[in-house]
Amino acid sequence: LAQLQNTKVVELISSAIGDLVQGI
C-alpha cells in the first residue's frame, strides 16, 4: 500500500482496516 505512493488511497484502505477491526 505504501508503494502506491498515494496518500488518499493509503488513508482510504487504512480506514477500511479500522472498520474491519471494529466490526469483527
mmCIF file of all heavy atoms, coordinates in Angstrom:
data_MODEL
# 
_entry.id   MODEL 
# 
loop_
_atom_site.group_PDB 
_atom_site.id 
_atom_site.type_symbol 
_atom_site.label_atom_id 
_atom_site.label_alt_id 
_atom_site.label_comp_id 
_atom_site.label_asym_id 
_atom_site.label_entity_id 
_atom_site.label_seq_id 
_atom_site.pdbx_PDB_ins_code 
_atom_site.Cartn_x 
_atom_site.Cartn_y 
_atom_site.Cartn_z 
_atom_site.occupancy 
_atom_site.B_iso_or_equiv 
_atom_site.pdbx_formal_charge 
_atom_site.auth_seq_id 
_atom_site.auth_comp_id 
_atom_site.auth_asym_id 
_atom_site.auth_atom_id 
_atom_site.pdbx_PDB_model_num 
ATOM 1   N N   . LEU A 1 1  ? 0.830   -1.205 0.000  1.00 0.00 ? 1  LEU A N   1 
ATOM 2   C CA  . LEU A 1 1  ? 0.000   0.000  0.000  1.00 0.00 ? 1  LEU A CA  1 
ATOM 3   C C   . LEU A 1 1  ? 0.863   1.254  0.000  1.00 0.00 ? 1  LEU A C   1 
ATOM 4   O O   . LEU A 1 1  ? 0.591   2.219  -0.730 1.00 0.00 ? 1  LEU A O   1 
ATOM 5   C CB  . LEU A 1 1  ? -0.917  -0.025 1.226  1.00 0.00 ? 1  LEU A CB  1 
ATOM 6   C CG  . LEU A 1 1  ? -1.993  1.058  1.335  1.00 0.00 ? 1  LEU A CG  1 
ATOM 7   C CD1 . LEU A 1 1  ? -2.958  0.979  0.165  1.00 0.00 ? 1  LEU A CD1 1 
ATOM 8   C CD2 . LEU A 1 1  ? -2.755  0.899  2.648  1.00 0.00 ? 1  LEU A CD2 1 
ATOM 9   N N   . ALA A 1 2  ? 1.922   1.249  0.789  1.00 0.00 ? 2  ALA A N   1 
ATOM 10  C CA  . ALA A 1 2  ? 2.828   2.400  0.835  1.00 0.00 ? 2  ALA A CA  1 
ATOM 11  C C   . ALA A 1 2  ? 3.523   2.612  -0.507 1.00 0.00 ? 2  ALA A C   1 
ATOM 12  O O   . ALA A 1 2  ? 3.794   3.757  -0.900 1.00 0.00 ? 2  ALA A O   1 
ATOM 13  C CB  . ALA A 1 2  ? 3.856   2.191  1.945  1.00 0.00 ? 2  ALA A CB  1 
ATOM 14  N N   . GLN A 1 3  ? 3.792   1.507  -1.216 1.00 0.00 ? 3  GLN A N   1 
ATOM 15  C CA  . GLN A 1 3  ? 4.486   1.613  -2.507 1.00 0.00 ? 3  GLN A CA  1 
ATOM 16  C C   . GLN A 1 3  ? 3.614   2.250  -3.593 1.00 0.00 ? 3  GLN A C   1 
ATOM 17  O O   . GLN A 1 3  ? 4.131   2.681  -4.622 1.00 0.00 ? 3  GLN A O   1 
ATOM 18  C CB  . GLN A 1 3  ? 4.938   0.223  -2.950 1.00 0.00 ? 3  GLN A CB  1 
ATOM 19  C CG  . GLN A 1 3  ? 6.063   -0.350 -2.090 1.00 0.00 ? 3  GLN A CG  1 
ATOM 20  C CD  . GLN A 1 3  ? 6.404   -1.782 -2.412 1.00 0.00 ? 3  GLN A CD  1 
ATOM 21  O OE1 . GLN A 1 3  ? 5.698   -2.443 -3.167 1.00 0.00 ? 3  GLN A OE1 1 
ATOM 22  N NE2 . GLN A 1 3  ? 7.483   -2.288 -1.825 1.00 0.00 ? 3  GLN A NE2 1 
ATOM 23  N N   . LEU A 1 4  ? 2.315   2.341  -3.366 1.00 0.00 ? 4  LEU A N   1 
ATOM 24  C CA  . LEU A 1 4  ? 1.443   3.024  -4.329 1.00 0.00 ? 4  LEU A CA  1 
ATOM 25  C C   . LEU A 1 4  ? 1.680   4.535  -4.323 1.00 0.00 ? 4  LEU A C   1 
ATOM 26  O O   . LEU A 1 4  ? 1.345   5.228  -5.282 1.00 0.00 ? 4  LEU A O   1 
ATOM 27  C CB  . LEU A 1 4  ? -0.028  2.736  -4.016 1.00 0.00 ? 4  LEU A CB  1 
ATOM 28  C CG  . LEU A 1 4  ? -0.512  1.308  -4.255 1.00 0.00 ? 4  LEU A CG  1 
ATOM 29  C CD1 . LEU A 1 4  ? -1.968  1.160  -3.831 1.00 0.00 ? 4  LEU A CD1 1 
ATOM 30  C CD2 . LEU A 1 4  ? -0.352  0.900  -5.713 1.00 0.00 ? 4  LEU A CD2 1 
ATOM 31  N N   . GLN A 1 5  ? 2.231   5.035  -3.229 1.00 0.00 ? 5  GLN A N   1 
ATOM 32  C CA  . GLN A 1 5  ? 2.615   6.454  -3.098 1.00 0.00 ? 5  GLN A CA  1 
ATOM 33  C C   . GLN A 1 5  ? 1.441   7.385  -3.392 1.00 0.00 ? 5  GLN A C   1 
ATOM 34  O O   . GLN A 1 5  ? 1.560   8.368  -4.122 1.00 0.00 ? 5  GLN A O   1 
ATOM 35  C CB  . GLN A 1 5  ? 3.799   6.774  -4.021 1.00 0.00 ? 5  GLN A CB  1 
ATOM 36  C CG  . GLN A 1 5  ? 5.052   5.991  -3.668 1.00 0.00 ? 5  GLN A CG  1 
ATOM 37  C CD  . GLN A 1 5  ? 6.238   6.348  -4.547 1.00 0.00 ? 5  GLN A CD  1 
ATOM 38  O OE1 . GLN A 1 5  ? 6.088   6.963  -5.604 1.00 0.00 ? 5  GLN A OE1 1 
ATOM 39  N NE2 . GLN A 1 5  ? 7.431   5.964  -4.118 1.00 0.00 ? 5  GLN A NE2 1 
ATOM 40  N N   . ASN A 1 6  ? 0.297   7.057  -2.805 1.00 0.00 ? 6  ASN A N   1 
ATOM 41  C CA  . ASN A 1 6  ? -0.888  7.902  -2.930 1.00 0.00 ? 6  ASN A CA  1 
ATOM 42  C C   . ASN A 1 6  ? -1.503  8.016  -1.536 1.00 0.00 ? 6  ASN A C   1 
ATOM 43  O O   . ASN A 1 6  ? -2.050  7.053  -1.005 1.00 0.00 ? 6  ASN A O   1 
ATOM 44  C CB  . ASN A 1 6  ? -1.884  7.288  -3.914 1.00 0.00 ? 6  ASN A CB  1 
ATOM 45  C CG  . ASN A 1 6  ? -3.069  8.201  -4.203 1.00 0.00 ? 6  ASN A CG  1 
ATOM 46  O OD1 . ASN A 1 6  ? -3.735  8.657  -3.287 1.00 0.00 ? 6  ASN A OD1 1 
ATOM 47  N ND2 . ASN A 1 6  ? -3.315  8.450  -5.478 1.00 0.00 ? 6  ASN A ND2 1 
ATOM 48  N N   . THR A 1 7  ? -1.382  9.199  -0.942 1.00 0.00 ? 7  THR A N   1 
ATOM 49  C CA  . THR A 1 7  ? -1.796  9.366  0.458  1.00 0.00 ? 7  THR A CA  1 
ATOM 50  C C   . THR A 1 7  ? -3.294  9.149  0.647  1.00 0.00 ? 7  THR A C   1 
ATOM 51  O O   . THR A 1 7  ? -3.718  8.607  1.676  1.00 0.00 ? 7  THR A O   1 
ATOM 52  C CB  . THR A 1 7  ? -1.418  10.764 0.969  1.00 0.00 ? 7  THR A CB  1 
ATOM 53  O OG1 . THR A 1 7  ? -1.962  11.761 0.078  1.00 0.00 ? 7  THR A OG1 1 
ATOM 54  C CG2 . THR A 1 7  ? 0.087   10.917 1.035  1.00 0.00 ? 7  THR A CG2 1 
ATOM 55  N N   . LYS A 1 8  ? -4.103  9.536  -0.332 1.00 0.00 ? 8  LYS A N   1 
ATOM 56  C CA  . LYS A 1 8  ? -5.553  9.354  -0.183 1.00 0.00 ? 8  LYS A CA  1 
ATOM 57  C C   . LYS A 1 8  ? -5.915  7.873  -0.206 1.00 0.00 ? 8  LYS A C   1 
ATOM 58  O O   . LYS A 1 8  ? -6.766  7.419  0.557  1.00 0.00 ? 8  LYS A O   1 
ATOM 59  C CB  . LYS A 1 8  ? -6.314  10.095 -1.280 1.00 0.00 ? 8  LYS A CB  1 
ATOM 60  C CG  . LYS A 1 8  ? -7.828  10.013 -1.085 1.00 0.00 ? 8  LYS A CG  1 
ATOM 61  C CD  . LYS A 1 8  ? -8.589  10.847 -2.085 1.00 0.00 ? 8  LYS A CD  1 
ATOM 62  C CE  . LYS A 1 8  ? -10.100 10.736 -1.839 1.00 0.00 ? 8  LYS A CE  1 
ATOM 63  N NZ  . LYS A 1 8  ? -10.879 11.546 -2.818 1.00 0.00 ? 8  LYS A NZ  1 
ATOM 64  N N   . VAL A 1 9  ? -5.248  7.118  -1.076 1.00 0.00 ? 9  VAL A N   1 
ATOM 65  C CA  . VAL A 1 9  ? -5.503  5.676  -1.141 1.00 0.00 ? 9  VAL A CA  1 
ATOM 66  C C   . VAL A 1 9  ? -5.080  5.013  0.164  1.00 0.00 ? 9  VAL A C   1 
ATOM 67  O O   . VAL A 1 9  ? -5.797  4.146  0.694  1.00 0.00 ? 9  VAL A O   1 
ATOM 68  C CB  . VAL A 1 9  ? -4.766  5.046  -2.341 1.00 0.00 ? 9  VAL A CB  1 
ATOM 69  C CG1 . VAL A 1 9  ? -4.824  3.530  -2.276 1.00 0.00 ? 9  VAL A CG1 1 
ATOM 70  C CG2 . VAL A 1 9  ? -5.385  5.532  -3.648 1.00 0.00 ? 9  VAL A CG2 1 
ATOM 71  N N   . VAL A 1 10 ? -3.923  5.417  0.673  1.00 0.00 ? 10 VAL A N   1 
ATOM 72  C CA  . VAL A 1 10 ? -3.461  4.869  1.959  1.00 0.00 ? 10 VAL A CA  1 
ATOM 73  C C   . VAL A 1 10 ? -4.473  5.183  3.058  1.00 0.00 ? 10 VAL A C   1 
ATOM 74  O O   . VAL A 1 10 ? -4.806  4.323  3.890  1.00 0.00 ? 10 VAL A O   1 
ATOM 75  C CB  . VAL A 1 10 ? -2.079  5.447  2.333  1.00 0.00 ? 10 VAL A CB  1 
ATOM 76  C CG1 . VAL A 1 10 ? -1.697  5.038  3.757  1.00 0.00 ? 10 VAL A CG1 1 
ATOM 77  C CG2 . VAL A 1 10 ? -1.018  4.966  1.345  1.00 0.00 ? 10 VAL A CG2 1 
ATOM 78  N N   . GLU A 1 11 ? -4.995  6.408  3.062  1.00 0.00 ? 11 GLU A N   1 
ATOM 79  C CA  . GLU A 1 11 ? -5.982  6.802  4.068  1.00 0.00 ? 11 GLU A CA  1 
ATOM 80  C C   . GLU A 1 11 ? -7.263  5.973  3.938  1.00 0.00 ? 11 GLU A C   1 
ATOM 81  O O   . GLU A 1 11 ? -7.815  5.504  4.951  1.00 0.00 ? 11 GLU A O   1 
ATOM 82  C CB  . GLU A 1 11 ? -6.305  8.287  3.908  1.00 0.00 ? 11 GLU A CB  1 
ATOM 83  C CG  . GLU A 1 11 ? -7.333  8.796  4.907  1.00 0.00 ? 11 GLU A CG  1 
ATOM 84  C CD  . GLU A 1 11 ? -7.694  10.255 4.664  1.00 0.00 ? 11 GLU A CD  1 
ATOM 85  O OE1 . GLU A 1 11 ? -7.047  10.902 3.816  1.00 0.00 ? 11 GLU A OE1 1 
ATOM 86  O OE2 . GLU A 1 11 ? -8.634  10.736 5.323  1.00 0.00 ? 11 GLU A OE2 1 
ATOM 87  N N   . LEU A 1 12 ? -7.735  5.772  2.706  1.00 0.00 ? 12 LEU A N   1 
ATOM 88  C CA  . LEU A 1 12 ? -8.963  5.014  2.488  1.00 0.00 ? 12 LEU A CA  1 
ATOM 89  C C   . LEU A 1 12 ? -8.829  3.564  2.961  1.00 0.00 ? 12 LEU A C   1 
ATOM 90  O O   . LEU A 1 12 ? -9.675  3.043  3.692  1.00 0.00 ? 12 LEU A O   1 
ATOM 91  C CB  . LEU A 1 12 ? -9.333  5.040  1.004  1.00 0.00 ? 12 LEU A CB  1 
ATOM 92  C CG  . LEU A 1 12 ? -9.999  6.307  0.474  1.00 0.00 ? 12 LEU A CG  1 
ATOM 93  C CD1 . LEU A 1 12 ? -10.049 6.283  -1.050 1.00 0.00 ? 12 LEU A CD1 1 
ATOM 94  C CD2 . LEU A 1 12 ? -11.407 6.442  1.043  1.00 0.00 ? 12 LEU A CD2 1 
ATOM 95  N N   . ILE A 1 13 ? -7.757  2.901  2.539  1.00 0.00 ? 13 ILE A N   1 
ATOM 96  C CA  . ILE A 1 13 ? -7.589  1.482  2.882  1.00 0.00 ? 13 ILE A CA  1 
ATOM 97  C C   . ILE A 1 13 ? -7.288  1.318  4.368  1.00 0.00 ? 13 ILE A C   1 
ATOM 98  O O   . ILE A 1 13 ? -7.754  0.357  5.005  1.00 0.00 ? 13 ILE A O   1 
ATOM 99  C CB  . ILE A 1 13 ? -6.472  0.843  2.027  1.00 0.00 ? 13 ILE A CB  1 
ATOM 100 C CG1 . ILE A 1 13 ? -6.787  1.012  0.530  1.00 0.00 ? 13 ILE A CG1 1 
ATOM 101 C CG2 . ILE A 1 13 ? -6.335  -0.630 2.372  1.00 0.00 ? 13 ILE A CG2 1 
ATOM 102 C CD1 . ILE A 1 13 ? -8.127  0.427  0.108  1.00 0.00 ? 13 ILE A CD1 1 
ATOM 103 N N   . SER A 1 14 ? -6.543  2.259  4.950  1.00 0.00 ? 14 SER A N   1 
ATOM 104 C CA  . SER A 1 14 ? -6.270  2.198  6.392  1.00 0.00 ? 14 SER A CA  1 
ATOM 105 C C   . SER A 1 14 ? -7.561  2.324  7.184  1.00 0.00 ? 14 SER A C   1 
ATOM 106 O O   . SER A 1 14 ? -7.770  1.610  8.177  1.00 0.00 ? 14 SER A O   1 
ATOM 107 C CB  . SER A 1 14 ? -5.301  3.304  6.796  1.00 0.00 ? 14 SER A CB  1 
ATOM 108 O OG  . SER A 1 14 ? -4.052  3.152  6.151  1.00 0.00 ? 14 SER A OG  1 
ATOM 109 N N   . SER A 1 15 ? -8.448  3.225  6.744  1.00 0.00 ? 15 SER A N   1 
ATOM 110 C CA  . SER A 1 15 ? -9.725  3.382  7.447  1.00 0.00 ? 15 SER A CA  1 
ATOM 111 C C   . SER A 1 15 ? -10.584 2.138  7.271  1.00 0.00 ? 15 SER A C   1 
ATOM 112 O O   . SER A 1 15 ? -11.345 1.765  8.172  1.00 0.00 ? 15 SER A O   1 
ATOM 113 C CB  . SER A 1 15 ? -10.467 4.622  6.938  1.00 0.00 ? 15 SER A CB  1 
ATOM 114 O OG  . SER A 1 15 ? -10.855 4.473  5.575  1.00 0.00 ? 15 SER A OG  1 
ATOM 115 N N   . ALA A 1 16 ? -10.469 1.460  6.117  1.00 0.00 ? 16 ALA A N   1 
ATOM 116 C CA  . ALA A 1 16 ? -11.217 0.224  5.890  1.00 0.00 ? 16 ALA A CA  1 
ATOM 117 C C   . ALA A 1 16 ? -10.736 -0.878 6.838  1.00 0.00 ? 16 ALA A C   1 
ATOM 118 O O   . ALA A 1 16 ? -11.543 -1.662 7.353  1.00 0.00 ? 16 ALA A O   1 
ATOM 119 C CB  . ALA A 1 16 ? -11.069 -0.224 4.438  1.00 0.00 ? 16 ALA A CB  1 
ATOM 120 N N   . ILE A 1 17 ? -9.422  -0.935 7.073  1.00 0.00 ? 17 ILE A N   1 
ATOM 121 C CA  . ILE A 1 17 ? -8.883  -1.907 8.035  1.00 0.00 ? 17 ILE A CA  1 
ATOM 122 C C   . ILE A 1 17 ? -9.434  -1.615 9.425  1.00 0.00 ? 17 ILE A C   1 
ATOM 123 O O   . ILE A 1 17 ? -9.828  -2.521 10.171 1.00 0.00 ? 17 ILE A O   1 
ATOM 124 C CB  . ILE A 1 17 ? -7.348  -1.874 8.032  1.00 0.00 ? 17 ILE A CB  1 
ATOM 125 C CG1 . ILE A 1 17 ? -6.807  -2.370 6.683  1.00 0.00 ? 17 ILE A CG1 1 
ATOM 126 C CG2 . ILE A 1 17 ? -6.786  -2.723 9.172  1.00 0.00 ? 17 ILE A CG2 1 
ATOM 127 C CD1 . ILE A 1 17 ? -5.304  -2.233 6.534  1.00 0.00 ? 17 ILE A CD1 1 
ATOM 128 N N   . GLY A 1 18 ? -9.490  -0.332 9.771  1.00 0.00 ? 18 GLY A N   1 
ATOM 129 C CA  . GLY A 1 18 ? -10.061 0.049  11.057 1.00 0.00 ? 18 GLY A CA  1 
ATOM 130 C C   . GLY A 1 18 ? -11.529 -0.350 11.177 1.00 0.00 ? 18 GLY A C   1 
ATOM 131 O O   . GLY A 1 18 ? -11.977 -0.820 12.229 1.00 0.00 ? 18 GLY A O   1 
ATOM 132 N N   . ASP A 1 19 ? -12.275 -0.171 10.088 1.00 0.00 ? 19 ASP A N   1 
ATOM 133 C CA  . ASP A 1 19 ? -13.687 -0.577 10.082 1.00 0.00 ? 19 ASP A CA  1 
ATOM 134 C C   . ASP A 1 19 ? -13.821 -2.079 10.287 1.00 0.00 ? 19 ASP A C   1 
ATOM 135 O O   . ASP A 1 19 ? -14.691 -2.548 11.030 1.00 0.00 ? 19 ASP A O   1 
ATOM 136 C CB  . ASP A 1 19 ? -14.347 -0.177 8.757  1.00 0.00 ? 19 ASP A CB  1 
ATOM 137 C CG  . ASP A 1 19 ? -14.496 1.333  8.610  1.00 0.00 ? 19 ASP A CG  1 
ATOM 138 O OD1 . ASP A 1 19 ? -14.510 2.028  9.638  1.00 0.00 ? 19 ASP A OD1 1 
ATOM 139 O OD2 . ASP A 1 19 ? -14.594 1.807  7.466  1.00 0.00 ? 19 ASP A OD2 1 
ATOM 140 N N   . LEU A 1 20 ? -12.964 -2.842 9.605  1.00 0.00 ? 20 LEU A N   1 
ATOM 141 C CA  . LEU A 1 20 ? -12.991 -4.298 9.751  1.00 0.00 ? 20 LEU A CA  1 
ATOM 142 C C   . LEU A 1 20 ? -12.743 -4.727 11.193 1.00 0.00 ? 20 LEU A C   1 
ATOM 143 O O   . LEU A 1 20 ? -13.460 -5.579 11.735 1.00 0.00 ? 20 LEU A O   1 
ATOM 144 C CB  . LEU A 1 20 ? -11.932 -4.928 8.835  1.00 0.00 ? 20 LEU A CB  1 
ATOM 145 C CG  . LEU A 1 20 ? -12.356 -5.367 7.445  1.00 0.00 ? 20 LEU A CG  1 
ATOM 146 C CD1 . LEU A 1 20 ? -11.133 -5.757 6.625  1.00 0.00 ? 20 LEU A CD1 1 
ATOM 147 C CD2 . LEU A 1 20 ? -13.321 -6.530 7.518  1.00 0.00 ? 20 LEU A CD2 1 
ATOM 148 N N   . VAL A 1 21 ? -11.735 -4.142 11.798 1.00 0.00 ? 21 VAL A N   1 
ATOM 149 C CA  . VAL A 1 21 ? -11.412 -4.481 13.184 1.00 0.00 ? 21 VAL A CA  1 
ATOM 150 C C   . VAL A 1 21 ? -12.594 -4.168 14.096 1.00 0.00 ? 21 VAL A C   1 
ATOM 151 O O   . VAL A 1 21 ? -12.978 -4.980 14.944 1.00 0.00 ? 21 VAL A O   1 
ATOM 152 C CB  . VAL A 1 21 ? -10.159 -3.707 13.653 1.00 0.00 ? 21 VAL A CB  1 
ATOM 153 C CG1 . VAL A 1 21 ? -9.939  -3.906 15.150 1.00 0.00 ? 21 VAL A CG1 1 
ATOM 154 C CG2 . VAL A 1 21 ? -8.926  -4.165 12.878 1.00 0.00 ? 21 VAL A CG2 1 
ATOM 155 N N   . GLN A 1 22 ? -13.190 -2.994 13.898 1.00 0.00 ? 22 GLN A N   1 
ATOM 156 C CA  . GLN A 1 22 ? -14.325 -2.593 14.734 1.00 0.00 ? 22 GLN A CA  1 
ATOM 157 C C   . GLN A 1 22 ? -15.512 -3.535 14.535 1.00 0.00 ? 22 GLN A C   1 
ATOM 158 O O   . GLN A 1 22 ? -16.146 -3.968 15.509 1.00 0.00 ? 22 GLN A O   1 
ATOM 159 C CB  . GLN A 1 22 ? -14.734 -1.163 14.392 1.00 0.00 ? 22 GLN A CB  1 
ATOM 160 C CG  . GLN A 1 22 ? -15.857 -0.615 15.280 1.00 0.00 ? 22 GLN A CG  1 
ATOM 161 C CD  . GLN A 1 22 ? -16.207 0.821  14.944 1.00 0.00 ? 22 GLN A CD  1 
ATOM 162 O OE1 . GLN A 1 22 ? -15.478 1.500  14.221 1.00 0.00 ? 22 GLN A OE1 1 
ATOM 163 N NE2 . GLN A 1 22 ? -17.325 1.291  15.461 1.00 0.00 ? 22 GLN A NE2 1 
ATOM 164 N N   . GLY A 1 23 ? -15.805 -3.876 13.284 1.00 0.00 ? 23 GLY A N   1 
ATOM 165 C CA  . GLY A 1 23 ? -16.928 -4.747 13.000 1.00 0.00 ? 23 GLY A CA  1 
ATOM 166 C C   . GLY A 1 23 ? -16.737 -6.149 13.548 1.00 0.00 ? 23 GLY A C   1 
ATOM 167 O O   . GLY A 1 23 ? -17.665 -6.729 14.144 1.00 0.00 ? 23 GLY A O   1 
ATOM 168 N N   . ILE A 1 24 ? -15.552 -6.721 13.380 1.00 0.00 ? 24 ILE A N   1 
ATOM 169 C CA  . ILE A 1 24 ? -15.288 -8.080 13.850 1.00 0.00 ? 24 ILE A CA  1 
ATOM 170 C C   . ILE A 1 24 ? -15.227 -8.111 15.376 1.00 0.00 ? 24 ILE A C   1 
ATOM 171 O O   . ILE A 1 24 ? -15.699 -9.066 16.010 1.00 0.00 ? 24 ILE A O   1 
ATOM 172 C CB  . ILE A 1 24 ? -13.978 -8.612 13.236 1.00 0.00 ? 24 ILE A CB  1 
ATOM 173 C CG1 . ILE A 1 24 ? -14.155 -8.778 11.723 1.00 0.00 ? 24 ILE A CG1 1 
ATOM 174 C CG2 . ILE A 1 24 ? -13.580 -9.936 13.868 1.00 0.00 ? 24 ILE A CG2 1 
ATOM 175 C CD1 . ILE A 1 24 ? -12.885 -9.092 10.985 1.00 0.00 ? 24 ILE A CD1 1 
# 
